[in-house]
Amino acid sequence: MRVLLFYASFGDGHRQVAHAIQDVLQQEYRAEVSLVDPFRQTSRALAAFNEWVYETLTAYAPFLYGWSYNWTRRLSPQHVLWKLLATLSRRATWAKVLAHQPDIVVQLFPDHALAKYPPTLISRPVIVTALTDYALHSRWFHANVDLYLMPTDDIVLEAARFQTAGSKVVVSGIPIRDQFSVCRLDSDAPQGAIVISAGERSFPEFIVCAHRLT
């Protein structure tokens, strides 16, 4: 089984989810898995600029990022904006699909590059979109998605208006890497236990651990 995992380097969350899925596919299914950031591979300079804008806004002007997010989150999946943004990743996305001829493509970042298939594609892969956010945005949805992996039941209900007929849904949570399984509370831990975590690029290898309150 050949699988392509498409992610984006806006923060570190999408990449870490890609690694979590890769580990399971390789260990449990002996799949041939390739991870691809199509934004960087289509235009590294433009991708670097977009990543800088994202990190700058979220760090220094979160209100502006929040405004743009909320303004676009309810747009139709057929909106012209998503078609324009797809040009930032389509070249590498199509090239990788044609080169690997995957059985399954998993999209881990909202993108419409595969809302249209390469004209010379031999066999259509199964397209899976795994939502890596707990907030719903319409950019995750396009007509060629066969299966959506949703983080919560509430999001399933909210997402119904964006889905096309025939697409399926599984509530999977957001996949995490196997290292997290070693951080468990003892069976006699008090109810006051807390979880301390850190993320983003400052702590790329941080492992979530639980600690008792003293």
N, C-alpha and C. Protein backbone atom coordinates (compact mmCIF):
# COMPACT_ATOMS: atom_id res chain seq x y z
N MET A 1 0.85 -1.20 0.00
CA MET A 1 0.00 0.00 0.00
C MET A 1 0.88 1.24 0.00
N ARG A 2 0.63 2.13 -0.94
CA ARG A 2 1.39 3.38 -1.04
C ARG A 2 0.52 4.53 -0.54
N VAL A 3 1.11 5.34 0.36
CA VAL A 3 0.37 6.44 0.97
C VAL A 3 1.20 7.72 0.89
N LEU A 4 0.55 8.80 0.48
CA LEU A 4 1.15 10.13 0.51
C LEU A 4 0.49 10.94 1.62
N LEU A 5 1.31 11.56 2.46
CA LEU A 5 0.81 12.44 3.51
C LEU A 5 1.21 13.87 3.17
N PHE A 6 0.24 14.71 2.92
CA PHE A 6 0.51 16.11 2.60
C PHE A 6 0.26 16.98 3.83
N TYR A 7 1.27 17.74 4.21
CA TYR A 7 1.16 18.62 5.37
C TYR A 7 1.72 19.99 4.99
N ALA A 8 1.72 20.93 5.93
CA ALA A 8 2.29 22.25 5.70
C ALA A 8 3.05 22.68 6.94
N SER A 9 4.08 23.49 6.75
CA SER A 9 4.96 23.89 7.85
C SER A 9 4.54 25.21 8.48
N PHE A 10 3.25 25.38 8.69
CA PHE A 10 2.74 26.54 9.41
C PHE A 10 2.60 26.11 10.87
N GLY A 11 3.57 26.47 11.72
CA GLY A 11 3.64 25.88 13.03
C GLY A 11 4.18 24.46 12.88
N ASP A 12 4.03 23.65 13.93
CA ASP A 12 4.58 22.30 13.89
C ASP A 12 3.52 21.22 14.02
N GLY A 13 2.28 21.62 14.31
CA GLY A 13 1.24 20.63 14.59
C GLY A 13 0.93 19.71 13.43
N HIS A 14 0.79 20.26 12.22
CA HIS A 14 0.43 19.43 11.07
C HIS A 14 1.52 18.39 10.79
N ARG A 15 2.77 18.79 10.93
CA ARG A 15 3.88 17.86 10.68
C ARG A 15 3.92 16.75 11.72
N GLN A 16 3.65 17.08 12.98
CA GLN A 16 3.67 16.07 14.03
C GLN A 16 2.54 15.05 13.83
N VAL A 17 1.37 15.51 13.41
CA VAL A 17 0.27 14.58 13.11
C VAL A 17 0.66 13.68 11.95
N ALA A 18 1.35 14.23 10.96
CA ALA A 18 1.81 13.43 9.83
C ALA A 18 2.74 12.32 10.30
N HIS A 19 3.66 12.65 11.20
CA HIS A 19 4.57 11.63 11.72
C HIS A 19 3.82 10.56 12.52
N ALA A 20 2.81 10.97 13.27
CA ALA A 20 2.02 10.01 14.05
C ALA A 20 1.33 9.01 13.13
N ILE A 21 0.73 9.50 12.05
CA ILE A 21 0.05 8.63 11.10
C ILE A 21 1.06 7.76 10.35
N GLN A 22 2.19 8.34 9.99
CA GLN A 22 3.24 7.58 9.31
C GLN A 22 3.70 6.39 10.16
N ASP A 23 3.91 6.62 11.45
CA ASP A 23 4.37 5.55 12.33
C ASP A 23 3.39 4.38 12.34
N VAL A 24 2.10 4.69 12.45
CA VAL A 24 1.09 3.63 12.49
C VAL A 24 1.02 2.89 11.17
N LEU A 25 1.03 3.61 10.06
CA LEU A 25 0.93 2.98 8.75
C LEU A 25 2.12 2.06 8.47
N GLN A 26 3.29 2.48 8.88
CA GLN A 26 4.48 1.67 8.65
C GLN A 26 4.55 0.47 9.58
N GLN A 27 4.23 0.68 10.85
CA GLN A 27 4.37 -0.40 11.83
C GLN A 27 3.23 -1.41 11.75
N GLU A 28 2.01 -0.93 11.55
CA GLU A 28 0.86 -1.82 11.58
C GLU A 28 0.48 -2.38 10.21
N TYR A 29 0.77 -1.62 9.15
CA TYR A 29 0.31 -2.03 7.81
C TYR A 29 1.45 -2.21 6.81
N ARG A 30 2.68 -1.98 7.27
CA ARG A 30 3.85 -2.10 6.38
C ARG A 30 3.68 -1.27 5.10
N ALA A 31 3.07 -0.11 5.27
CA ALA A 31 2.80 0.75 4.11
C ALA A 31 4.05 1.49 3.68
N GLU A 32 4.09 1.83 2.42
CA GLU A 32 5.14 2.69 1.86
C GLU A 32 4.63 4.13 1.95
N VAL A 33 5.20 4.90 2.87
CA VAL A 33 4.66 6.22 3.21
C VAL A 33 5.66 7.32 2.85
N SER A 34 5.17 8.37 2.22
CA SER A 34 5.99 9.54 1.91
C SER A 34 5.32 10.78 2.47
N LEU A 35 6.11 11.62 3.16
CA LEU A 35 5.62 12.89 3.70
C LEU A 35 6.04 14.02 2.77
N VAL A 36 5.11 14.89 2.44
CA VAL A 36 5.39 15.96 1.48
C VAL A 36 4.79 17.27 1.98
N ASP A 37 5.61 18.33 1.96
CA ASP A 37 5.11 19.69 2.16
C ASP A 37 5.03 20.32 0.76
N PRO A 38 3.86 20.27 0.11
CA PRO A 38 3.78 20.75 -1.27
C PRO A 38 3.95 22.26 -1.41
N PHE A 39 3.70 23.01 -0.35
CA PHE A 39 3.89 24.46 -0.42
C PHE A 39 5.37 24.79 -0.57
N ARG A 40 6.20 24.16 0.25
CA ARG A 40 7.64 24.40 0.15
C ARG A 40 8.21 23.85 -1.14
N GLN A 41 7.69 22.75 -1.61
CA GLN A 41 8.26 22.15 -2.81
C GLN A 41 7.76 22.81 -4.09
N THR A 42 6.64 23.52 -4.01
CA THR A 42 6.18 24.28 -5.18
C THR A 42 6.95 25.58 -5.30
N SER A 43 7.06 26.32 -4.19
CA SER A 43 7.82 27.57 -4.19
C SER A 43 8.36 27.80 -2.79
N ARG A 44 9.62 27.47 -2.57
CA ARG A 44 10.21 27.56 -1.24
C ARG A 44 10.19 29.01 -0.72
N ALA A 45 10.49 29.96 -1.60
CA ALA A 45 10.54 31.36 -1.18
C ALA A 45 9.16 31.86 -0.76
N LEU A 46 8.15 31.54 -1.57
CA LEU A 46 6.79 31.97 -1.24
C LEU A 46 6.29 31.28 0.02
N ALA A 47 6.61 30.00 0.18
CA ALA A 47 6.20 29.28 1.38
C ALA A 47 6.85 29.89 2.62
N ALA A 48 8.13 30.23 2.51
CA ALA A 48 8.84 30.85 3.64
C ALA A 48 8.21 32.18 4.02
N PHE A 49 7.80 32.95 3.01
CA PHE A 49 7.15 34.23 3.28
C PHE A 49 5.80 34.01 3.98
N ASN A 50 5.02 33.06 3.48
CA ASN A 50 3.72 32.77 4.09
C ASN A 50 3.87 32.29 5.52
N GLU A 51 4.88 31.46 5.77
CA GLU A 51 5.11 30.96 7.13
C GLU A 51 5.53 32.11 8.05
N TRP A 52 6.34 33.03 7.52
CA TRP A 52 6.75 34.19 8.32
C TRP A 52 5.54 35.06 8.66
N VAL A 53 4.66 35.27 7.69
CA VAL A 53 3.44 36.06 7.94
C VAL A 53 2.59 35.40 9.02
N TYR A 54 2.42 34.09 8.90
CA TYR A 54 1.61 33.35 9.87
C TYR A 54 2.20 33.48 11.27
N GLU A 55 3.49 33.24 11.40
CA GLU A 55 4.11 33.26 12.72
C GLU A 55 4.14 34.68 13.30
N THR A 56 4.33 35.67 12.44
CA THR A 56 4.36 37.05 12.91
C THR A 56 2.98 37.48 13.40
N LEU A 57 1.95 37.17 12.63
CA LEU A 57 0.60 37.55 13.03
C LEU A 57 0.16 36.85 14.31
N THR A 58 0.41 35.54 14.41
CA THR A 58 -0.03 34.82 15.60
C THR A 58 0.74 35.25 16.84
N ALA A 59 1.99 35.71 16.66
CA ALA A 59 2.80 36.12 17.80
C ALA A 59 2.54 37.57 18.22
N TYR A 60 2.39 38.46 17.22
CA TYR A 60 2.35 39.90 17.53
C TYR A 60 1.01 40.57 17.21
N ALA A 61 0.20 39.94 16.37
CA ALA A 61 -1.10 40.54 16.04
C ALA A 61 -2.16 39.45 15.94
N PRO A 62 -2.36 38.70 17.03
CA PRO A 62 -3.32 37.59 16.97
C PRO A 62 -4.74 38.04 16.64
N PHE A 63 -5.09 39.27 17.01
CA PHE A 63 -6.42 39.78 16.68
C PHE A 63 -6.63 39.86 15.17
N LEU A 64 -5.55 40.22 14.43
CA LEU A 64 -5.64 40.32 12.98
C LEU A 64 -5.75 38.94 12.35
N TYR A 65 -4.97 38.00 12.86
CA TYR A 65 -5.06 36.62 12.36
C TYR A 65 -6.45 36.06 12.67
N GLY A 66 -6.94 36.31 13.89
CA GLY A 66 -8.26 35.84 14.26
C GLY A 66 -9.35 36.42 13.38
N TRP A 67 -9.21 37.70 13.04
CA TRP A 67 -10.21 38.33 12.16
C TRP A 67 -10.22 37.66 10.80
N SER A 68 -9.04 37.42 10.21
CA SER A 68 -8.98 36.80 8.88
C SER A 68 -9.50 35.37 8.92
N TYR A 69 -9.21 34.67 10.01
CA TYR A 69 -9.69 33.29 10.15
C TYR A 69 -11.21 33.26 10.22
N ASN A 70 -11.77 34.11 11.06
CA ASN A 70 -13.23 34.13 11.22
C ASN A 70 -13.93 34.63 9.97
N TRP A 71 -13.29 35.52 9.24
CA TRP A 71 -13.90 36.05 8.01
C TRP A 71 -13.99 34.97 6.94
N THR A 72 -13.03 34.06 6.91
CA THR A 72 -13.00 33.05 5.84
C THR A 72 -13.57 31.70 6.23
N ARG A 73 -13.79 31.44 7.50
CA ARG A 73 -14.10 30.08 7.94
C ARG A 73 -15.44 29.57 7.43
N ARG A 74 -16.35 30.46 7.10
CA ARG A 74 -17.68 30.03 6.64
C ARG A 74 -17.88 30.21 5.13
N LEU A 75 -16.82 30.54 4.42
CA LEU A 75 -16.94 30.65 2.96
C LEU A 75 -17.30 29.29 2.36
N SER A 76 -17.92 29.31 1.22
CA SER A 76 -18.26 28.07 0.55
C SER A 76 -16.99 27.31 0.14
N PRO A 77 -16.98 25.98 0.21
CA PRO A 77 -15.84 25.22 -0.27
C PRO A 77 -15.54 25.45 -1.75
N GLN A 78 -16.49 25.99 -2.48
CA GLN A 78 -16.27 26.30 -3.90
C GLN A 78 -15.81 27.74 -4.12
N HIS A 79 -15.52 28.45 -3.06
CA HIS A 79 -15.15 29.86 -3.19
C HIS A 79 -13.88 30.02 -4.01
N VAL A 80 -13.81 31.10 -4.78
CA VAL A 80 -12.67 31.34 -5.65
C VAL A 80 -11.37 31.52 -4.85
N LEU A 81 -11.46 31.97 -3.60
CA LEU A 81 -10.26 32.14 -2.79
C LEU A 81 -9.50 30.84 -2.63
N TRP A 82 -10.23 29.73 -2.39
CA TRP A 82 -9.56 28.44 -2.21
C TRP A 82 -8.93 27.97 -3.51
N LYS A 83 -9.54 28.29 -4.64
CA LYS A 83 -8.96 27.93 -5.93
C LYS A 83 -7.66 28.70 -6.17
N LEU A 84 -7.66 29.97 -5.79
CA LEU A 84 -6.44 30.78 -5.95
C LEU A 84 -5.32 30.28 -5.04
N LEU A 85 -5.65 29.97 -3.78
CA LEU A 85 -4.63 29.50 -2.85
C LEU A 85 -4.08 28.13 -3.26
N ALA A 86 -4.89 27.35 -3.95
CA ALA A 86 -4.44 26.02 -4.39
C ALA A 86 -3.28 26.11 -5.38
N THR A 87 -3.15 27.25 -6.06
CA THR A 87 -2.04 27.40 -7.00
C THR A 87 -0.69 27.43 -6.28
N LEU A 88 -0.69 27.69 -4.97
CA LEU A 88 0.55 27.74 -4.20
C LEU A 88 1.12 26.35 -3.94
N SER A 89 0.30 25.32 -4.10
CA SER A 89 0.75 23.97 -3.79
C SER A 89 0.49 22.95 -4.90
N ARG A 90 -0.26 23.34 -5.92
CA ARG A 90 -0.72 22.35 -6.90
C ARG A 90 0.43 21.69 -7.68
N ARG A 91 1.44 22.46 -8.03
CA ARG A 91 2.50 21.88 -8.87
C ARG A 91 3.16 20.69 -8.19
N ALA A 92 3.57 20.86 -6.93
CA ALA A 92 4.23 19.77 -6.21
C ALA A 92 3.24 18.66 -5.86
N THR A 93 2.02 19.03 -5.51
CA THR A 93 1.01 18.03 -5.17
C THR A 93 0.75 17.10 -6.34
N TRP A 94 0.49 17.68 -7.51
CA TRP A 94 0.24 16.86 -8.69
C TRP A 94 1.46 16.04 -9.08
N ALA A 95 2.65 16.63 -8.99
CA ALA A 95 3.88 15.92 -9.36
C ALA A 95 4.09 14.70 -8.48
N LYS A 96 3.84 14.84 -7.17
CA LYS A 96 4.03 13.72 -6.26
C LYS A 96 2.99 12.63 -6.48
N VAL A 97 1.76 13.02 -6.75
CA VAL A 97 0.71 12.04 -7.02
C VAL A 97 1.03 11.26 -8.29
N LEU A 98 1.48 11.94 -9.31
CA LEU A 98 1.82 11.27 -10.56
C LEU A 98 3.05 10.37 -10.41
N ALA A 99 4.01 10.81 -9.62
CA ALA A 99 5.24 10.04 -9.45
C ALA A 99 5.02 8.79 -8.60
N HIS A 100 4.21 8.91 -7.53
CA HIS A 100 4.04 7.81 -6.58
C HIS A 100 2.84 6.92 -6.91
N GLN A 101 1.87 7.44 -7.66
CA GLN A 101 0.63 6.70 -7.93
C GLN A 101 0.11 6.06 -6.64
N PRO A 102 -0.18 6.87 -5.61
CA PRO A 102 -0.55 6.32 -4.30
C PRO A 102 -1.92 5.66 -4.30
N ASP A 103 -2.08 4.74 -3.37
CA ASP A 103 -3.41 4.16 -3.14
C ASP A 103 -4.25 5.10 -2.29
N ILE A 104 -3.58 5.81 -1.37
CA ILE A 104 -4.26 6.71 -0.45
C ILE A 104 -3.48 8.01 -0.34
N VAL A 105 -4.20 9.12 -0.34
CA VAL A 105 -3.62 10.43 -0.05
C VAL A 105 -4.28 10.96 1.20
N VAL A 106 -3.47 11.39 2.17
CA VAL A 106 -4.01 11.98 3.40
C VAL A 106 -3.60 13.44 3.45
N GLN A 107 -4.59 14.32 3.50
CA GLN A 107 -4.34 15.75 3.59
C GLN A 107 -4.43 16.18 5.05
N LEU A 108 -3.33 16.79 5.55
CA LEU A 108 -3.24 17.19 6.94
C LEU A 108 -3.17 18.70 7.09
N PHE A 109 -3.46 19.39 6.01
CA PHE A 109 -3.54 20.84 6.02
C PHE A 109 -4.64 21.21 5.03
N PRO A 110 -5.49 22.19 5.33
CA PRO A 110 -6.58 22.52 4.40
C PRO A 110 -6.04 23.08 3.10
N ASP A 111 -6.34 22.39 2.01
CA ASP A 111 -5.81 22.77 0.71
C ASP A 111 -6.68 22.17 -0.39
N HIS A 112 -6.81 22.88 -1.50
CA HIS A 112 -7.68 22.42 -2.59
C HIS A 112 -6.89 22.02 -3.84
N ALA A 113 -5.61 21.70 -3.67
CA ALA A 113 -4.82 21.29 -4.84
C ALA A 113 -5.40 20.05 -5.51
N LEU A 114 -6.01 19.16 -4.72
CA LEU A 114 -6.59 17.94 -5.29
C LEU A 114 -8.10 18.03 -5.50
N ALA A 115 -8.62 19.26 -5.44
CA ALA A 115 -10.02 19.44 -5.84
C ALA A 115 -10.18 19.16 -7.33
N LYS A 116 -9.05 19.22 -8.06
CA LYS A 116 -8.97 18.77 -9.44
C LYS A 116 -7.81 17.80 -9.55
N TYR A 117 -7.97 16.75 -10.36
CA TYR A 117 -6.92 15.76 -10.52
C TYR A 117 -6.00 16.10 -11.69
N PRO A 118 -4.74 15.65 -11.62
CA PRO A 118 -3.86 15.80 -12.80
C PRO A 118 -4.49 15.09 -13.99
N PRO A 119 -4.49 15.71 -15.16
CA PRO A 119 -5.16 15.11 -16.31
C PRO A 119 -4.56 13.77 -16.74
N THR A 120 -3.30 13.50 -16.39
CA THR A 120 -2.67 12.24 -16.81
C THR A 120 -2.66 11.19 -15.70
N LEU A 121 -3.42 11.42 -14.64
CA LEU A 121 -3.47 10.47 -13.52
C LEU A 121 -4.05 9.14 -13.99
N ILE A 122 -3.35 8.05 -13.69
CA ILE A 122 -3.77 6.73 -14.16
C ILE A 122 -4.89 6.16 -13.29
N SER A 123 -4.68 6.19 -11.97
CA SER A 123 -5.65 5.60 -11.05
C SER A 123 -5.96 6.59 -9.94
N ARG A 124 -7.22 6.80 -9.68
CA ARG A 124 -7.65 7.76 -8.66
C ARG A 124 -7.40 7.20 -7.27
N PRO A 125 -6.64 7.90 -6.42
CA PRO A 125 -6.43 7.43 -5.05
C PRO A 125 -7.62 7.75 -4.17
N VAL A 126 -7.70 7.06 -3.05
CA VAL A 126 -8.65 7.43 -2.00
C VAL A 126 -8.09 8.67 -1.29
N ILE A 127 -8.89 9.71 -1.18
CA ILE A 127 -8.43 10.94 -0.54
C ILE A 127 -9.06 11.06 0.85
N VAL A 128 -8.18 11.17 1.83
CA VAL A 128 -8.60 11.31 3.22
C VAL A 128 -8.15 12.67 3.73
N THR A 129 -9.04 13.39 4.38
CA THR A 129 -8.67 14.64 5.03
C THR A 129 -8.77 14.46 6.53
N ALA A 130 -7.65 14.63 7.22
CA ALA A 130 -7.61 14.52 8.68
C ALA A 130 -7.52 15.92 9.27
N LEU A 131 -8.60 16.38 9.88
CA LEU A 131 -8.62 17.71 10.47
C LEU A 131 -7.70 17.75 11.68
N THR A 132 -6.76 18.67 11.68
CA THR A 132 -5.80 18.77 12.78
C THR A 132 -6.07 19.98 13.67
N ASP A 133 -7.28 20.53 13.57
CA ASP A 133 -7.70 21.65 14.41
C ASP A 133 -9.01 21.29 15.10
N TYR A 134 -9.24 21.89 16.26
CA TYR A 134 -10.51 21.71 16.95
C TYR A 134 -11.52 22.79 16.56
N ALA A 135 -11.12 23.72 15.72
CA ALA A 135 -12.03 24.72 15.17
C ALA A 135 -12.26 24.40 13.70
N LEU A 136 -13.50 24.49 13.26
CA LEU A 136 -13.83 24.10 11.89
C LEU A 136 -13.65 25.26 10.93
N HIS A 137 -13.07 24.96 9.77
CA HIS A 137 -12.88 25.96 8.71
C HIS A 137 -13.27 25.33 7.39
N SER A 138 -13.96 26.08 6.54
CA SER A 138 -14.48 25.52 5.29
C SER A 138 -13.39 25.12 4.31
N ARG A 139 -12.17 25.62 4.50
CA ARG A 139 -11.10 25.29 3.56
C ARG A 139 -10.71 23.80 3.62
N TRP A 140 -11.07 23.11 4.68
CA TRP A 140 -10.76 21.69 4.78
C TRP A 140 -11.54 20.86 3.75
N PHE A 141 -12.60 21.40 3.19
CA PHE A 141 -13.55 20.60 2.43
C PHE A 141 -13.46 20.86 0.92
N HIS A 142 -13.45 19.79 0.16
CA HIS A 142 -13.62 19.91 -1.30
C HIS A 142 -14.26 18.64 -1.84
N ALA A 143 -14.69 18.68 -3.07
CA ALA A 143 -15.57 17.64 -3.63
C ALA A 143 -14.90 16.29 -3.80
N ASN A 144 -13.57 16.22 -3.86
CA ASN A 144 -12.90 14.94 -4.12
C ASN A 144 -12.50 14.18 -2.86
N VAL A 145 -12.85 14.69 -1.69
CA VAL A 145 -12.51 13.98 -0.45
C VAL A 145 -13.47 12.81 -0.25
N ASP A 146 -12.91 11.62 0.00
CA ASP A 146 -13.71 10.42 0.24
C ASP A 146 -14.02 10.21 1.72
N LEU A 147 -13.06 10.58 2.59
CA LEU A 147 -13.21 10.32 4.02
C LEU A 147 -12.64 11.47 4.83
N TYR A 148 -13.40 11.91 5.81
CA TYR A 148 -12.94 12.94 6.75
C TYR A 148 -12.71 12.30 8.12
N LEU A 149 -11.54 12.56 8.69
CA LEU A 149 -11.25 12.16 10.06
C LEU A 149 -11.47 13.39 10.94
N MET A 150 -12.49 13.35 11.77
CA MET A 150 -12.89 14.51 12.56
C MET A 150 -12.40 14.39 14.00
N PRO A 151 -12.06 15.52 14.63
CA PRO A 151 -11.56 15.45 16.00
C PRO A 151 -12.64 15.24 17.06
N THR A 152 -13.87 15.73 16.83
CA THR A 152 -14.92 15.61 17.85
C THR A 152 -16.28 15.40 17.18
N ASP A 153 -17.22 14.90 17.97
CA ASP A 153 -18.59 14.72 17.47
C ASP A 153 -19.24 16.06 17.14
N ASP A 154 -18.94 17.09 17.91
CA ASP A 154 -19.53 18.41 17.67
C ASP A 154 -19.13 18.93 16.29
N ILE A 155 -17.90 18.72 15.91
CA ILE A 155 -17.44 19.21 14.62
C ILE A 155 -18.11 18.46 13.48
N VAL A 156 -18.45 17.19 13.69
CA VAL A 156 -19.16 16.43 12.66
C VAL A 156 -20.48 17.11 12.32
N LEU A 157 -21.20 17.52 13.33
CA LEU A 157 -22.49 18.18 13.11
C LEU A 157 -22.31 19.50 12.38
N GLU A 158 -21.30 20.26 12.78
CA GLU A 158 -21.05 21.56 12.18
C GLU A 158 -20.56 21.43 10.74
N ALA A 159 -19.84 20.33 10.45
CA ALA A 159 -19.23 20.16 9.13
C ALA A 159 -20.20 19.68 8.06
N ALA A 160 -21.37 19.21 8.47
CA ALA A 160 -22.30 18.60 7.52
C ALA A 160 -22.64 19.52 6.35
N ARG A 161 -22.72 20.81 6.61
CA ARG A 161 -23.11 21.75 5.54
C ARG A 161 -22.02 21.94 4.50
N PHE A 162 -20.77 21.58 4.84
CA PHE A 162 -19.67 21.75 3.90
C PHE A 162 -19.35 20.48 3.11
N GLN A 163 -19.85 19.33 3.56
CA GLN A 163 -19.51 18.07 2.91
C GLN A 163 -20.30 17.86 1.63
N THR A 164 -19.69 17.13 0.72
CA THR A 164 -20.38 16.73 -0.50
C THR A 164 -20.98 15.35 -0.30
N ALA A 165 -22.00 15.04 -1.09
CA ALA A 165 -22.67 13.74 -0.98
C ALA A 165 -21.68 12.61 -1.26
N GLY A 166 -21.76 11.58 -0.45
CA GLY A 166 -20.91 10.41 -0.67
C GLY A 166 -19.66 10.37 0.20
N SER A 167 -19.25 11.50 0.73
CA SER A 167 -18.07 11.49 1.60
C SER A 167 -18.45 10.91 2.96
N LYS A 168 -17.50 10.19 3.55
CA LYS A 168 -17.75 9.53 4.83
C LYS A 168 -17.00 10.26 5.96
N VAL A 169 -17.42 9.99 7.19
CA VAL A 169 -16.83 10.65 8.35
C VAL A 169 -16.52 9.61 9.42
N VAL A 170 -15.35 9.74 10.02
CA VAL A 170 -14.98 8.95 11.20
C VAL A 170 -14.47 9.92 12.26
N VAL A 171 -14.98 9.80 13.49
CA VAL A 171 -14.48 10.62 14.59
C VAL A 171 -13.26 9.90 15.18
N SER A 172 -12.10 10.47 14.95
CA SER A 172 -10.85 9.81 15.33
C SER A 172 -10.07 10.55 16.40
N GLY A 173 -10.48 11.77 16.75
CA GLY A 173 -9.62 12.63 17.54
C GLY A 173 -8.49 13.12 16.64
N ILE A 174 -7.52 13.81 17.22
CA ILE A 174 -6.34 14.24 16.47
C ILE A 174 -5.21 13.27 16.80
N PRO A 175 -4.67 12.57 15.81
CA PRO A 175 -3.63 11.56 16.08
C PRO A 175 -2.42 12.16 16.80
N ILE A 176 -1.88 11.40 17.75
CA ILE A 176 -0.67 11.81 18.46
C ILE A 176 0.37 10.72 18.34
N ARG A 177 1.62 11.07 18.53
CA ARG A 177 2.71 10.12 18.37
C ARG A 177 2.78 9.15 19.56
N ASP A 178 3.39 8.00 19.30
CA ASP A 178 3.41 6.93 20.28
C ASP A 178 4.14 7.32 21.56
N GLN A 179 5.06 8.29 21.48
CA GLN A 179 5.80 8.70 22.68
C GLN A 179 4.87 9.16 23.80
N PHE A 180 3.70 9.67 23.43
CA PHE A 180 2.78 10.18 24.44
C PHE A 180 2.23 9.07 25.33
N SER A 181 2.23 7.83 24.84
CA SER A 181 1.66 6.74 25.61
C SER A 181 2.48 6.41 26.85
N VAL A 182 3.73 6.82 26.89
CA VAL A 182 4.56 6.52 28.07
C VAL A 182 4.29 7.49 29.20
N CYS A 183 3.60 8.57 28.92
CA CYS A 183 3.31 9.59 29.96
C CYS A 183 1.93 9.33 30.53
N ARG A 184 1.88 8.44 31.52
CA ARG A 184 0.59 8.05 32.09
C ARG A 184 0.61 8.26 33.61
N LEU A 185 -0.53 8.59 34.12
CA LEU A 185 -0.66 8.71 35.57
C LEU A 185 -0.70 7.32 36.21
N ASP A 186 -0.17 7.20 37.41
CA ASP A 186 -0.30 5.96 38.16
C ASP A 186 -1.77 5.74 38.48
N SER A 187 -2.11 4.50 38.70
CA SER A 187 -3.52 4.17 38.96
C SER A 187 -4.06 4.82 40.22
N ASP A 188 -3.15 5.15 41.17
CA ASP A 188 -3.62 5.76 42.41
C ASP A 188 -3.46 7.28 42.40
N ALA A 189 -3.28 7.86 41.23
CA ALA A 189 -3.13 9.31 41.12
C ALA A 189 -4.41 10.00 41.54
N PRO A 190 -4.31 11.11 42.25
CA PRO A 190 -5.52 11.82 42.70
C PRO A 190 -6.23 12.48 41.53
N GLN A 191 -7.47 12.85 41.75
CA GLN A 191 -8.25 13.50 40.69
C GLN A 191 -7.71 14.87 40.35
N GLY A 192 -6.89 15.43 41.23
CA GLY A 192 -6.34 16.76 40.99
C GLY A 192 -5.15 16.77 40.06
N ALA A 193 -4.87 15.65 39.35
CA ALA A 193 -3.73 15.61 38.44
C ALA A 193 -3.93 16.61 37.31
N ILE A 194 -2.84 17.18 36.83
CA ILE A 194 -2.89 18.13 35.73
C ILE A 194 -1.96 17.66 34.62
N VAL A 195 -2.18 18.17 33.43
CA VAL A 195 -1.33 17.89 32.29
C VAL A 195 -0.64 19.17 31.88
N ILE A 196 0.67 19.13 31.76
CA ILE A 196 1.45 20.29 31.33
C ILE A 196 1.97 20.00 29.93
N SER A 197 1.74 20.91 29.02
CA SER A 197 2.19 20.69 27.65
C SER A 197 2.73 21.97 27.05
N ALA A 198 3.53 21.82 26.01
CA ALA A 198 4.04 22.97 25.26
C ALA A 198 4.08 22.58 23.80
N GLY A 199 4.06 23.56 22.93
CA GLY A 199 4.04 23.23 21.51
C GLY A 199 4.65 24.33 20.68
N GLU A 200 4.33 24.31 19.39
CA GLU A 200 4.90 25.21 18.40
C GLU A 200 6.40 24.97 18.24
N ARG A 201 7.08 25.84 17.52
CA ARG A 201 8.45 25.56 17.13
C ARG A 201 9.44 25.68 18.27
N SER A 202 9.08 26.35 19.35
CA SER A 202 10.02 26.50 20.46
C SER A 202 10.30 25.17 21.15
N PHE A 203 9.32 24.24 21.11
CA PHE A 203 9.47 22.97 21.80
C PHE A 203 9.06 21.83 20.88
N PRO A 204 9.75 21.60 19.77
CA PRO A 204 9.30 20.61 18.79
C PRO A 204 9.32 19.19 19.30
N GLU A 205 10.16 18.88 20.29
CA GLU A 205 10.26 17.50 20.77
C GLU A 205 9.67 17.34 22.16
N PHE A 206 8.90 18.33 22.61
CA PHE A 206 8.35 18.27 23.97
C PHE A 206 7.34 17.12 24.06
N ILE A 207 7.47 16.31 25.10
CA ILE A 207 6.55 15.21 25.33
C ILE A 207 5.62 15.58 26.48
N VAL A 208 4.34 15.44 26.25
CA VAL A 208 3.37 15.78 27.29
C VAL A 208 3.49 14.79 28.43
N CYS A 209 3.59 15.28 29.64
CA CYS A 209 3.67 14.41 30.81
C CYS A 209 2.67 14.88 31.86
N ALA A 210 2.16 13.97 32.61
CA ALA A 210 1.19 14.29 33.67
C ALA A 210 1.90 14.29 35.01
N HIS A 211 1.52 15.22 35.86
CA HIS A 211 2.14 15.34 37.16
C HIS A 211 1.06 15.46 38.22
N ARG A 212 1.34 14.90 39.39
CA ARG A 212 0.40 15.03 40.50
C ARG A 212 0.52 16.42 41.15
N LEU A 213 -0.61 16.89 41.59
CA LEU A 213 -0.58 18.11 42.41
C LEU A 213 -0.08 17.76 43.80
N THR A 214 0.75 18.59 44.34
CA THR A 214 1.26 18.32 45.70
C THR A 214 0.64 19.29 46.69
